[in-house]
Amino acid sequence: MNEIGAFEKLIASGEFAVTAELSPPDSADPEEVYSRARVFDGYVDAINATDGSGANCHMSSVAVCALLERRGYTTIMQISCRDRNRLAIQGDVLGAAALGISNVLCLSGDGVQAGDHANAKPVFDLDCMSLITTLRTMRDESRFLSGRAITVPPRVFIGAAANPFMPPFDYRVERLEKKISAGARFVQTQYCFDIPRLRQYMSEVCERGLHEECAILVGVGPLNSARAARWMRKNVPGVHVPDEIIERLENAERPRLEGRRLCMELIQQIREIDGVAGVHVMAYRQEEAIAEIIDASGVLAGRSPWNPARRREASLQRASS
């Protein structure tokens, strides 16, 4: 529980990190989790398991992460403030650490009105900032928020979300700085389609030296069509899809293929921006395309991220030596 995790070590090494998002199944079958994760083998450094994304009910993030960690994957558990109070959250963090989960992404969570249980009662006992502080208190001070002692504290690498593309833009870097002060050491951003805006954001981040305190992974993902791009621009807060991208998809003979090519190009451009520590790939219902996109982008530079197959090989080598 107290060892530094593989993802934290990778970030500390300065390697360009690649993470991806896994959508938990609407099922109690663990094989559905494993089959969704296998498409990432050898291409991502860690897998996010969403926590009721879009306020829709799925298998819990802690369960998905526990299943995958047992198979040798590195996972990032998401915690949404929407659904649980501080008692439940702190208990989940201890339980997750006991199951080998060492990376946690702190989120406010989408409003329940957006999902499939509109009559659910939102909790929001904590907000994102106080959630980050809670995890840091448990880890560094070995105590609950009540002050009661924790005998063995959870070793957690604390992450948060950021949205460089939502106005007011001058507030975005300040907001990031507050999350870093609270204890966040890695950040995954909203989808990036606006490279000039990202460059401006990262310039301000680097001016303040925030990239040296926190690893910033920029969110990317393939678009299926011009229609999907327009829908995202209209309905997803903080996502700006420029007109030229929509036109490019509209004029493409094979829009889905063009969307993947566009994603690969964005990754390559993001890789060259000072202060960026990696990318976070979100490909809802296109998870099978992630390996192709990452491979074509060349951002791994010949590096093969740790995965269950490599773990088995290493185990067999140790056994035979």
C-alpha atoms as a PDB file:
ATOM      1  CA  MET A   1       0.000   0.000   0.000  1.00  0.00           C
ATOM      2  CA  ASN A   2       2.816   2.426   0.770  1.00  0.00           C
ATOM      3  CA  GLU A   3       4.935   1.902  -2.339  1.00  0.00           C
ATOM      4  CA  ILE A   4       5.077   4.547  -5.027  1.00  0.00           C
ATOM      5  CA  GLY A   5       2.939   3.325  -7.918  1.00  0.00           C
ATOM      6  CA  ALA A   6       4.070   2.712 -11.491  1.00  0.00           C
ATOM      7  CA  PHE A   7       2.198   5.728 -12.866  1.00  0.00           C
ATOM      8  CA  GLU A   8       3.702   8.090 -10.302  1.00  0.00           C
ATOM      9  CA  LYS A   9       7.172   6.718 -11.087  1.00  0.00           C
ATOM     10  CA  LEU A  10       6.597   7.275 -14.801  1.00  0.00           C
ATOM     11  CA  ILE A  11       5.534  10.864 -14.234  1.00  0.00           C
ATOM     12  CA  ALA A  12       8.589  11.457 -12.037  1.00  0.00           C
ATOM     13  CA  SER A  13      10.843  10.044 -14.777  1.00  0.00           C
ATOM     14  CA  GLY A  14       9.752  12.728 -17.244  1.00  0.00           C
ATOM     15  CA  GLU A  15       8.558  10.248 -19.886  1.00  0.00           C
ATOM     16  CA  PHE A  16       5.671  11.441 -22.053  1.00  0.00           C
ATOM     17  CA  ALA A  17       2.720   9.663 -20.449  1.00  0.00           C
ATOM     18  CA  VAL A  18      -0.297   8.180 -22.224  1.00  0.00           C
ATOM     19  CA  THR A  19      -3.495   7.379 -20.371  1.00  0.00           C
ATOM     20  CA  ALA A  20      -6.883   6.300 -21.662  1.00  0.00           C
ATOM     21  CA  GLU A  21     -10.441   6.152 -20.432  1.00  0.00           C
ATOM     22  CA  LEU A  22     -12.383   2.910 -20.023  1.00  0.00           C
ATOM     23  CA  SER A  23     -16.156   3.098 -19.843  1.00  0.00           C
ATOM     24  CA  PRO A  24     -17.360   0.605 -17.187  1.00  0.00           C
ATOM     25  CA  PRO A  25     -19.937  -1.928 -18.370  1.00  0.00           C
ATOM     26  CA  ASP A  26     -23.590  -2.145 -17.443  1.00  0.00           C
ATOM     27  CA  SER A  27     -22.906  -5.627 -16.197  1.00  0.00           C
ATOM     28  CA  ALA A  28     -21.655  -7.682 -13.256  1.00  0.00           C
ATOM     29  CA  ASP A  29     -19.434  -9.797 -15.514  1.00  0.00           C
ATOM     30  CA  PRO A  30     -15.709  -9.123 -14.926  1.00  0.00           C
ATOM     31  CA  GLU A  31     -14.850 -10.460 -18.383  1.00  0.00           C
ATOM     32  CA  GLU A  32     -16.548  -7.423 -19.907  1.00  0.00           C
ATOM     33  CA  VAL A  33     -14.062  -5.258 -18.016  1.00  0.00           C
ATOM     34  CA  TYR A  34     -11.082  -7.360 -19.107  1.00  0.00           C
ATOM     35  CA  SER A  35     -12.128  -7.409 -22.761  1.00  0.00           C
ATOM     36  CA  ARG A  36     -12.477  -3.611 -22.794  1.00  0.00           C
ATOM     37  CA  ALA A  37      -9.039  -3.204 -21.213  1.00  0.00           C
ATOM     38  CA  ARG A  38      -7.191  -5.593 -23.539  1.00  0.00           C
ATOM     39  CA  VAL A  39      -7.387  -3.149 -26.457  1.00  0.00           C
ATOM     40  CA  PHE A  40      -5.051  -0.855 -24.489  1.00  0.00           C
ATOM     41  CA  ASP A  41      -2.313  -3.467 -23.890  1.00  0.00           C
ATOM     42  CA  GLY A  42       1.121  -2.048 -24.634  1.00  0.00           C
ATOM     43  CA  TYR A  43      -0.183   1.411 -25.599  1.00  0.00           C
ATOM     44  CA  VAL A  44      -1.194   3.214 -22.394  1.00  0.00           C
ATOM     45  CA  ASP A  45       0.512   3.769 -19.068  1.00  0.00           C
ATOM     46  CA  ALA A  46      -2.678   3.851 -17.003  1.00  0.00           C
ATOM     47  CA  ILE A  47      -6.397   3.284 -17.471  1.00  0.00           C
ATOM     48  CA  ASN A  48      -9.048   5.604 -16.023  1.00  0.00           C
ATOM     49  CA  ALA A  49     -12.263   3.958 -14.858  1.00  0.00           C
ATOM     50  CA  THR A  50     -15.028   6.554 -14.953  1.00  0.00           C
ATOM     51  CA  ASP A  51     -17.294   7.141 -11.954  1.00  0.00           C
ATOM     52  CA  GLY A  52     -20.845   7.552 -13.180  1.00  0.00           C
ATOM     53  CA  SER A  53     -19.767   9.672 -16.140  1.00  0.00           C
ATOM     54  CA  GLY A  54     -22.585  11.832 -17.451  1.00  0.00           C
ATOM     55  CA  ALA A  55     -24.526  10.944 -14.273  1.00  0.00           C
ATOM     56  CA  ASN A  56     -25.324   7.531 -15.772  1.00  0.00           C
ATOM     57  CA  CYS A  57     -25.098   4.361 -13.694  1.00  0.00           C
ATOM     58  CA  HIS A  58     -22.430   1.733 -14.521  1.00  0.00           C
ATOM     59  CA  MET A  59     -20.144  -0.646 -12.644  1.00  0.00           C
ATOM     60  CA  SER A  60     -18.308   1.345  -9.969  1.00  0.00           C
ATOM     61  CA  SER A  61     -14.881   2.816 -10.626  1.00  0.00           C
ATOM     62  CA  VAL A  62     -13.356   1.136  -7.562  1.00  0.00           C
ATOM     63  CA  ALA A  63     -14.588  -2.287  -8.716  1.00  0.00           C
ATOM     64  CA  VAL A  64     -13.269  -1.821 -12.267  1.00  0.00           C
ATOM     65  CA  CYS A  65      -9.894  -0.671 -10.949  1.00  0.00           C
ATOM     66  CA  ALA A  66      -9.676  -3.560  -8.473  1.00  0.00           C
ATOM     67  CA  LEU A  67     -10.408  -6.093 -11.223  1.00  0.00           C
ATOM     68  CA  LEU A  68      -7.809  -4.568 -13.546  1.00  0.00           C
ATOM     69  CA  GLU A  69      -5.126  -4.172 -10.872  1.00  0.00           C
ATOM     70  CA  ARG A  70      -5.551  -7.871 -10.095  1.00  0.00           C
ATOM     71  CA  ARG A  71      -4.694  -8.591 -13.742  1.00  0.00           C
ATOM     72  CA  GLY A  72      -1.618  -6.349 -13.679  1.00  0.00           C
ATOM     73  CA  TYR A  73      -2.951  -3.120 -15.169  1.00  0.00           C
ATOM     74  CA  THR A  74      -2.182   0.317 -13.736  1.00  0.00           C
ATOM     75  CA  THR A  75      -5.423   2.159 -13.054  1.00  0.00           C
ATOM     76  CA  ILE A  76      -6.706   5.589 -12.097  1.00  0.00           C
ATOM     77  CA  MET A  77      -9.814   5.528  -9.944  1.00  0.00           C
ATOM     78  CA  GLN A  78     -12.215   8.423 -10.351  1.00  0.00           C
ATOM     79  CA  ILE A  79     -14.152   9.841  -7.405  1.00  0.00           C
ATOM     80  CA  SER A  80     -17.125  12.093  -8.053  1.00  0.00           C
ATOM     81  CA  CYS A  81     -18.328  14.386  -5.263  1.00  0.00           C
ATOM     82  CA  ARG A  82     -21.848  14.096  -6.655  1.00  0.00           C
ATOM     83  CA  ASP A  83     -22.715  10.700  -5.188  1.00  0.00           C
ATOM     84  CA  ARG A  84     -21.011  10.190  -1.810  1.00  0.00           C
ATOM     85  CA  ASN A  85     -20.455  12.100   1.399  1.00  0.00           C
ATOM     86  CA  ARG A  86     -17.120  12.418   3.189  1.00  0.00           C
ATOM     87  CA  LEU A  87     -17.637   9.246   5.249  1.00  0.00           C
ATOM     88  CA  ALA A  88     -18.210   7.096   2.161  1.00  0.00           C
ATOM     89  CA  ILE A  89     -15.409   8.739   0.182  1.00  0.00           C
ATOM     90  CA  GLN A  90     -12.803   8.266   2.902  1.00  0.00           C
ATOM     91  CA  GLY A  91     -13.845   4.647   3.343  1.00  0.00           C
ATOM     92  CA  ASP A  92     -13.614   4.072  -0.408  1.00  0.00           C
ATOM     93  CA  VAL A  93     -10.104   5.562  -0.507  1.00  0.00           C
ATOM     94  CA  LEU A  94      -8.879   3.242   2.267  1.00  0.00           C
ATOM     95  CA  GLY A  95     -10.514   0.242   0.612  1.00  0.00           C
ATOM     96  CA  ALA A  96      -9.092   1.131  -2.787  1.00  0.00           C
ATOM     97  CA  ALA A  97      -5.577   1.456  -1.346  1.00  0.00           C
ATOM     98  CA  ALA A  98      -5.943  -1.956   0.296  1.00  0.00           C
ATOM     99  CA  LEU A  99      -6.844  -3.372  -3.135  1.00  0.00           C
ATOM    100  CA  GLY A 100      -3.704  -1.904  -4.708  1.00  0.00           C
ATOM    101  CA  ILE A 101      -5.227   1.199  -6.301  1.00  0.00           C
ATOM    102  CA  SER A 102      -2.803   4.086  -5.872  1.00  0.00           C
ATOM    103  CA  ASN A 103      -3.986   6.741  -8.376  1.00  0.00           C
ATOM    104  CA  VAL A 104      -7.112   8.808  -7.758  1.00  0.00           C
ATOM    105  CA  LEU A 105      -8.688  11.504  -9.940  1.00  0.00           C
ATOM    106  CA  CYS A 106     -10.853  13.967  -7.994  1.00  0.00           C
ATOM    107  CA  LEU A 107     -13.950  15.272  -9.783  1.00  0.00           C
ATOM    108  CA  SER A 108     -16.993  17.337  -8.933  1.00  0.00           C
ATOM    109  CA  GLY A 109     -19.227  15.185 -11.151  1.00  0.00           C
ATOM    110  CA  ASP A 110     -21.933  15.951 -13.694  1.00  0.00           C
ATOM    111  CA  GLY A 111     -25.317  17.048 -12.367  1.00  0.00           C
ATOM    112  CA  VAL A 112     -27.879  14.242 -11.948  1.00  0.00           C
ATOM    113  CA  GLN A 113     -30.273  16.004 -14.325  1.00  0.00           C
ATOM    114  CA  ALA A 114     -27.907  15.107 -17.168  1.00  0.00           C
ATOM    115  CA  GLY A 115     -28.131  11.354 -16.643  1.00  0.00           C
ATOM    116  CA  ASP A 116     -30.469   8.385 -16.493  1.00  0.00           C
ATOM    117  CA  HIS A 117     -31.501   8.869 -12.842  1.00  0.00           C
ATOM    118  CA  ALA A 118     -32.771  12.436 -12.873  1.00  0.00           C
ATOM    119  CA  ASN A 119     -34.639  11.909  -9.573  1.00  0.00           C
ATOM    120  CA  ALA A 120     -31.489  10.881  -7.702  1.00  0.00           C
ATOM    121  CA  LYS A 121     -30.443  13.142  -4.833  1.00  0.00           C
ATOM    122  CA  PRO A 122     -27.047  14.770  -5.416  1.00  0.00           C
ATOM    123  CA  VAL A 123     -24.705  14.864  -2.410  1.00  0.00           C
ATOM    124  CA  PHE A 124     -21.811  17.286  -3.020  1.00  0.00           C
ATOM    125  CA  ASP A 125     -20.770  17.114   0.634  1.00  0.00           C
ATOM    126  CA  LEU A 126     -17.279  17.926  -0.669  1.00  0.00           C
ATOM    127  CA  ASP A 127     -16.262  19.827  -3.767  1.00  0.00           C
ATOM    128  CA  CYS A 128     -13.292  18.977  -5.957  1.00  0.00           C
ATOM    129  CA  MET A 129     -10.904  21.202  -4.009  1.00  0.00           C
ATOM    130  CA  SER A 130     -11.891  19.875  -0.577  1.00  0.00           C
ATOM    131  CA  LEU A 131     -11.776  16.308  -1.930  1.00  0.00           C
ATOM    132  CA  ILE A 132      -8.155  16.823  -2.976  1.00  0.00           C
ATOM    133  CA  THR A 133      -7.378  18.231   0.487  1.00  0.00           C
ATOM    134  CA  THR A 134      -9.116  15.258   2.136  1.00  0.00           C
ATOM    135  CA  LEU A 135      -6.975  12.726   0.278  1.00  0.00           C
ATOM    136  CA  ARG A 136      -3.810  14.648   1.051  1.00  0.00           C
ATOM    137  CA  THR A 137      -4.771  14.804   4.756  1.00  0.00           C
ATOM    138  CA  MET A 138      -5.374  11.054   4.894  1.00  0.00           C
ATOM    139  CA  ARG A 139      -2.076  10.314   3.140  1.00  0.00           C
ATOM    140  CA  ASP A 140       0.256  12.866   4.740  1.00  0.00           C
ATOM    141  CA  GLU A 141      -1.244  13.292   8.208  1.00  0.00           C
ATOM    142  CA  SER A 142      -2.598   9.752   8.740  1.00  0.00           C
ATOM    143  CA  ARG A 143      -5.971  10.999   9.898  1.00  0.00           C
ATOM    144  CA  PHE A 144      -9.580  11.292   8.802  1.00  0.00           C
ATOM    145  CA  LEU A 145     -11.246  14.692   8.480  1.00  0.00           C
ATOM    146  CA  SER A 146     -12.746  14.065  11.913  1.00  0.00           C
ATOM    147  CA  GLY A 147      -9.223  14.010  13.360  1.00  0.00           C
ATOM    148  CA  ARG A 148      -9.278  10.296  14.179  1.00  0.00           C
ATOM    149  CA  ALA A 149      -6.007   8.511  13.416  1.00  0.00           C
ATOM    150  CA  ILE A 150      -5.482   6.160  10.461  1.00  0.00           C
ATOM    151  CA  THR A 151      -3.145   3.320  11.436  1.00  0.00           C
ATOM    152  CA  VAL A 152      -1.807   2.738   7.904  1.00  0.00           C
ATOM    153  CA  PRO A 153      -2.432   5.701   5.576  1.00  0.00           C
ATOM    154  CA  PRO A 154      -3.328   5.221   1.905  1.00  0.00           C
ATOM    155  CA  ARG A 155      -0.507   5.859  -0.552  1.00  0.00           C
ATOM    156  CA  VAL A 156      -2.342   7.883  -3.209  1.00  0.00           C
ATOM    157  CA  PHE A 157      -1.124   9.853  -6.224  1.00  0.00           C
ATOM    158  CA  ILE A 158      -3.700  12.625  -6.390  1.00  0.00           C
ATOM    159  CA  GLY A 159      -5.054  13.965  -9.657  1.00  0.00           C
ATOM    160  CA  ALA A 160      -7.654  16.486 -10.763  1.00  0.00           C
ATOM    161  CA  ALA A 161      -9.407  17.675 -13.908  1.00  0.00           C
ATOM    162  CA  ALA A 162      -8.757  20.952 -15.719  1.00  0.00           C
ATOM    163  CA  ASN A 163     -10.489  22.787 -18.521  1.00  0.00           C
ATOM    164  CA  PRO A 164      -8.246  25.289 -20.338  1.00  0.00           C
ATOM    165  CA  PHE A 165     -10.925  25.888 -22.986  1.00  0.00           C
ATOM    166  CA  MET A 166     -13.772  27.265 -20.860  1.00  0.00           C
ATOM    167  CA  PRO A 167     -14.128  31.026 -20.404  1.00  0.00           C
ATOM    168  CA  PRO A 168     -13.184  33.078 -18.501  1.00  0.00           C
ATOM    169  CA  PHE A 169      -9.750  32.007 -19.723  1.00  0.00           C
ATOM    170  CA  ASP A 170      -7.794  34.189 -17.306  1.00  0.00           C
ATOM    171  CA  TYR A 171      -9.294  32.170 -14.423  1.00  0.00           C
ATOM    172  CA  ARG A 172      -8.217  28.740 -15.717  1.00  0.00           C
ATOM    173  CA  VAL A 173      -4.555  28.911 -14.666  1.00  0.00           C
ATOM    174  CA  GLU A 174      -5.503  30.364 -11.293  1.00  0.00           C
ATOM    175  CA  ARG A 175      -7.919  27.475 -10.791  1.00  0.00           C
ATOM    176  CA  LEU A 176      -5.175  24.982 -11.659  1.00  0.00           C
ATOM    177  CA  GLU A 177      -2.830  26.658  -9.170  1.00  0.00           C
ATOM    178  CA  LYS A 178      -5.413  26.260  -6.408  1.00  0.00           C
ATOM    179  CA  LYS A 179      -5.777  22.544  -7.148  1.00  0.00           C
ATOM    180  CA  ILE A 180      -2.003  22.111  -7.057  1.00  0.00           C
ATOM    181  CA  SER A 181      -1.849  23.961  -3.730  1.00  0.00           C
ATOM    182  CA  ALA A 182      -4.546  21.613  -2.410  1.00  0.00           C
ATOM    183  CA  GLY A 183      -2.425  18.573  -3.360  1.00  0.00           C
ATOM    184  CA  ALA A 184      -3.020  17.602  -7.005  1.00  0.00           C
ATOM    185  CA  ARG A 185       0.093  16.225  -8.681  1.00  0.00           C
ATOM    186  CA  PHE A 186      -1.348  15.274 -12.060  1.00  0.00           C
ATOM    187  CA  VAL A 187      -4.106  16.795 -14.154  1.00  0.00           C
ATOM    188  CA  GLN A 188      -6.143  15.458 -17.062  1.00  0.00           C
ATOM    189  CA  THR A 189      -7.827  18.115 -19.178  1.00  0.00           C
ATOM    190  CA  GLN A 190     -11.046  18.334 -21.156  1.00  0.00           C
ATOM    191  CA  TYR A 191     -10.885  17.472 -24.881  1.00  0.00           C
ATOM    192  CA  CYS A 192      -8.467  19.678 -26.804  1.00  0.00           C
ATOM    193  CA  PHE A 193      -9.241  20.653 -30.401  1.00  0.00           C
ATOM    194  CA  ASP A 194      -8.006  24.232 -30.096  1.00  0.00           C
ATOM    195  CA  ILE A 195      -4.197  24.119 -30.209  1.00  0.00           C
ATOM    196  CA  PRO A 196      -3.652  27.933 -30.131  1.00  0.00           C
ATOM    197  CA  ARG A 197      -5.729  28.200 -26.948  1.00  0.00           C
ATOM    198  CA  LEU A 198      -3.785  25.317 -25.379  1.00  0.00           C
ATOM    199  CA  ARG A 199      -0.472  26.991 -26.247  1.00  0.00           C
ATOM    200  CA  GLN A 200      -1.596  30.187 -24.531  1.00  0.00           C
ATOM    201  CA  TYR A 201      -2.731  28.260 -21.444  1.00  0.00           C
ATOM    202  CA  MET A 202       0.509  26.293 -21.213  1.00  0.00           C
ATOM    203  CA  SER A 203       2.561  29.448 -21.676  1.00  0.00           C
ATOM    204  CA  GLU A 204       0.885  30.927 -18.590  1.00  0.00           C
ATOM    205  CA  VAL A 205       1.280  27.617 -16.715  1.00  0.00           C
ATOM    206  CA  CYS A 206       5.011  27.548 -17.454  1.00  0.00           C
ATOM    207  CA  GLU A 207       5.445  31.218 -16.521  1.00  0.00           C
ATOM    208  CA  ARG A 208       4.188  30.333 -13.029  1.00  0.00           C
ATOM    209  CA  GLY A 209       6.246  27.126 -12.903  1.00  0.00           C
ATOM    210  CA  LEU A 210       3.143  24.999 -12.336  1.00  0.00           C
ATOM    211  CA  HIS A 211       4.274  22.348 -14.845  1.00  0.00           C
ATOM    212  CA  GLU A 212       7.136  21.556 -12.458  1.00  0.00           C
ATOM    213  CA  GLU A 213       4.729  20.826  -9.602  1.00  0.00           C
ATOM    214  CA  CYS A 214       2.032  18.963 -11.503  1.00  0.00           C
ATOM    215  CA  ALA A 215       2.007  16.762 -14.617  1.00  0.00           C
ATOM    216  CA  ILE A 216      -0.466  18.067 -17.195  1.00  0.00           C
ATOM    217  CA  LEU A 217      -2.002  15.455 -19.493  1.00  0.00           C
ATOM    218  CA  VAL A 218      -4.054  16.971 -22.299  1.00  0.00           C
ATOM    219  CA  GLY A 219      -7.331  15.320 -23.254  1.00  0.00           C
ATOM    220  CA  VAL A 220      -7.777  14.161 -26.853  1.00  0.00           C
ATOM    221  CA  GLY A 221     -10.187  11.945 -28.730  1.00  0.00           C
ATOM    222  CA  PRO A 222     -11.359  10.987 -32.228  1.00  0.00           C
ATOM    223  CA  LEU A 223     -14.480  12.552 -33.724  1.00  0.00           C
ATOM    224  CA  ASN A 224     -16.807  10.346 -35.759  1.00  0.00           C
ATOM    225  CA  SER A 225     -18.307  13.019 -37.977  1.00  0.00           C
ATOM    226  CA  ALA A 226     -18.990  16.702 -38.468  1.00  0.00           C
ATOM    227  CA  ARG A 227     -22.347  16.145 -36.814  1.00  0.00           C
ATOM    228  CA  ALA A 228     -20.667  14.692 -33.717  1.00  0.00           C
ATOM    229  CA  ALA A 229     -18.261  17.629 -33.649  1.00  0.00           C
ATOM    230  CA  ARG A 230     -21.118  20.126 -33.759  1.00  0.00           C
ATOM    231  CA  TRP A 231     -22.981  18.256 -31.023  1.00  0.00           C
ATOM    232  CA  MET A 232     -19.886  18.270 -28.802  1.00  0.00           C
ATOM    233  CA  ARG A 233     -19.293  21.977 -29.372  1.00  0.00           C
ATOM    234  CA  LYS A 234     -22.891  22.763 -28.439  1.00  0.00           C
ATOM    235  CA  ASN A 235     -23.465  20.342 -25.561  1.00  0.00           C
ATOM    236  CA  VAL A 236     -20.164  19.617 -23.779  1.00  0.00           C
ATOM    237  CA  PRO A 237     -19.139  22.513 -21.517  1.00  0.00           C
ATOM    238  CA  GLY A 238     -15.717  23.897 -22.287  1.00  0.00           C
ATOM    239  CA  VAL A 239     -15.137  21.993 -25.522  1.00  0.00           C
ATOM    240  CA  HIS A 240     -14.365  24.252 -28.466  1.00  0.00           C
ATOM    241  CA  VAL A 241     -14.247  22.564 -31.859  1.00  0.00           C
ATOM    242  CA  PRO A 242     -12.992  25.102 -34.428  1.00  0.00           C
ATOM    243  CA  ASP A 243     -14.892  25.557 -37.696  1.00  0.00           C
ATOM    244  CA  GLU A 244     -11.946  24.280 -39.757  1.00  0.00           C
ATOM    245  CA  ILE A 245     -12.096  20.903 -37.994  1.00  0.00           C
ATOM    246  CA  ILE A 246     -15.824  20.585 -38.661  1.00  0.00           C
ATOM    247  CA  GLU A 247     -15.264  21.514 -42.321  1.00  0.00           C
ATOM    248  CA  ARG A 248     -12.470  18.971 -42.620  1.00  0.00           C
ATOM    249  CA  LEU A 249     -14.740  16.214 -41.314  1.00  0.00           C
ATOM    250  CA  GLU A 250     -17.606  17.378 -43.496  1.00  0.00           C
ATOM    251  CA  ASN A 251     -15.478  17.209 -46.641  1.00  0.00           C
ATOM    252  CA  ALA A 252     -13.868  13.867 -45.840  1.00  0.00           C
ATOM    253  CA  GLU A 253     -14.869  10.773 -47.827  1.00  0.00           C
ATOM    254  CA  ARG A 254     -14.480   8.652 -44.684  1.00  0.00           C
ATOM    255  CA  PRO A 255     -15.219  10.963 -41.723  1.00  0.00           C
ATOM    256  CA  ARG A 256     -14.519   8.369 -39.018  1.00  0.00           C
ATOM    257  CA  LEU A 257     -11.073   7.627 -40.453  1.00  0.00           C
ATOM    258  CA  GLU A 258     -10.416  11.348 -40.841  1.00  0.00           C
ATOM    259  CA  GLY A 259     -11.391  11.887 -37.202  1.00  0.00           C
ATOM    260  CA  ARG A 260      -8.803   9.356 -36.108  1.00  0.00           C
ATOM    261  CA  ARG A 261      -6.167  10.940 -38.330  1.00  0.00           C
ATOM    262  CA  LEU A 262      -7.015  14.317 -36.858  1.00  0.00           C
ATOM    263  CA  CYS A 263      -6.639  12.943 -33.322  1.00  0.00           C
ATOM    264  CA  MET A 264      -3.205  11.548 -34.189  1.00  0.00           C
ATOM    265  CA  GLU A 265      -2.132  14.942 -35.573  1.00  0.00           C
ATOM    266  CA  LEU A 266      -3.383  16.738 -32.464  1.00  0.00           C
ATOM    267  CA  ILE A 267      -1.345  14.392 -30.254  1.00  0.00           C
ATOM    268  CA  GLN A 268       1.768  15.162 -32.278  1.00  0.00           C
ATOM    269  CA  GLN A 269       1.196  18.913 -31.952  1.00  0.00           C
ATOM    270  CA  ILE A 270       0.439  18.674 -28.238  1.00  0.00           C
ATOM    271  CA  ARG A 271       3.637  16.661 -27.721  1.00  0.00           C
ATOM    272  CA  GLU A 272       5.682  19.670 -28.865  1.00  0.00           C
ATOM    273  CA  ILE A 273       4.127  22.189 -26.445  1.00  0.00           C
ATOM    274  CA  ASP A 274       6.350  23.125 -23.519  1.00  0.00           C
ATOM    275  CA  GLY A 275       5.135  21.895 -20.160  1.00  0.00           C
ATOM    276  CA  VAL A 276       2.816  19.134 -21.421  1.00  0.00           C
ATOM    277  CA  ALA A 277       3.559  15.836 -19.652  1.00  0.00           C
ATOM    278  CA  GLY A 278       1.313  13.551 -21.687  1.00  0.00           C
ATOM    279  CA  VAL A 279      -2.062  12.935 -23.272  1.00  0.00           C
ATOM    280  CA  HIS A 280      -5.277  11.425 -21.975  1.00  0.00           C
ATOM    281  CA  VAL A 281      -7.198   9.656 -24.756  1.00  0.00           C
ATOM    282  CA  MET A 282     -10.991   9.515 -24.497  1.00  0.00           C
ATOM    283  CA  ALA A 283     -12.566   7.514 -27.299  1.00  0.00           C
ATOM    284  CA  TYR A 284     -16.116   6.660 -26.273  1.00  0.00           C
ATOM    285  CA  ARG A 285     -17.260   3.623 -28.288  1.00  0.00           C
ATOM    286  CA  GLN A 286     -14.032   3.809 -30.299  1.00  0.00           C
ATOM    287  CA  GLU A 287     -11.678   2.264 -27.744  1.00  0.00           C
ATOM    288  CA  GLU A 288     -10.406  -0.177 -30.355  1.00  0.00           C
ATOM    289  CA  ALA A 289      -8.949   2.794 -32.277  1.00  0.00           C
ATOM    290  CA  ILE A 290      -6.729   4.007 -29.437  1.00  0.00           C
ATOM    291  CA  ALA A 291      -3.821   1.655 -30.169  1.00  0.00           C
ATOM    292  CA  GLU A 292      -3.845   2.671 -33.832  1.00  0.00           C
ATOM    293  CA  ILE A 293      -3.962   6.384 -32.996  1.00  0.00           C
ATOM    294  CA  ILE A 294      -1.170   6.232 -30.411  1.00  0.00           C
ATOM    295  CA  ASP A 295       1.009   4.053 -32.625  1.00  0.00           C
ATOM    296  CA  ALA A 296       0.586   6.384 -35.605  1.00  0.00           C
ATOM    297  CA  SER A 297       1.339   9.460 -33.501  1.00  0.00           C
ATOM    298  CA  GLY A 298       4.759   8.111 -32.514  1.00  0.00           C
ATOM    299  CA  VAL A 299       4.582   9.659 -29.024  1.00  0.00           C
ATOM    300  CA  LEU A 300       5.717   6.477 -27.319  1.00  0.00           C
ATOM    301  CA  ALA A 301       8.996   6.694 -29.274  1.00  0.00           C
ATOM    302  CA  GLY A 302       9.467   2.932 -29.248  1.00  0.00           C
ATOM    303  CA  ARG A 303       8.590   2.599 -25.565  1.00  0.00           C
ATOM    304  CA  SER A 304       6.184  -0.193 -24.641  1.00  0.00           C
ATOM    305  CA  PRO A 305       4.092   0.682 -21.565  1.00  0.00           C
ATOM    306  CA  TRP A 306       3.883  -1.907 -18.833  1.00  0.00           C
ATOM    307  CA  ASN A 307       0.952  -4.277 -19.290  1.00  0.00           C
ATOM    308  CA  PRO A 308      -0.184  -7.721 -18.090  1.00  0.00           C
ATOM    309  CA  ALA A 309       1.595  -9.597 -20.910  1.00  0.00           C
ATOM    310  CA  ARG A 310       4.920  -7.968 -20.008  1.00  0.00           C
ATOM    311  CA  ARG A 311       4.303  -8.677 -16.321  1.00  0.00           C
ATOM    312  CA  ARG A 312       3.779 -12.364 -17.110  1.00  0.00           C
ATOM    313  CA  GLU A 313       6.956 -12.461 -19.205  1.00  0.00           C
ATOM    314  CA  ALA A 314       8.955 -10.836 -16.422  1.00  0.00           C
ATOM    315  CA  SER A 315       7.502 -13.269 -13.884  1.00  0.00           C
ATOM    316  CA  LEU A 316       8.429 -16.269 -16.054  1.00  0.00           C
ATOM    317  CA  GLN A 317      11.958 -14.909 -16.529  1.00  0.00           C
ATOM    318  CA  ARG A 318      12.406 -14.506 -12.786  1.00  0.00           C
ATOM    319  CA  ALA A 319      11.101 -18.015 -12.187  1.00  0.00           C
ATOM    320  CA  SER A 320      13.518 -19.544 -14.706  1.00  0.00           C
ATOM    321  CA  SER A 321      16.595 -17.633 -13.506  1.00  0.00           C
END
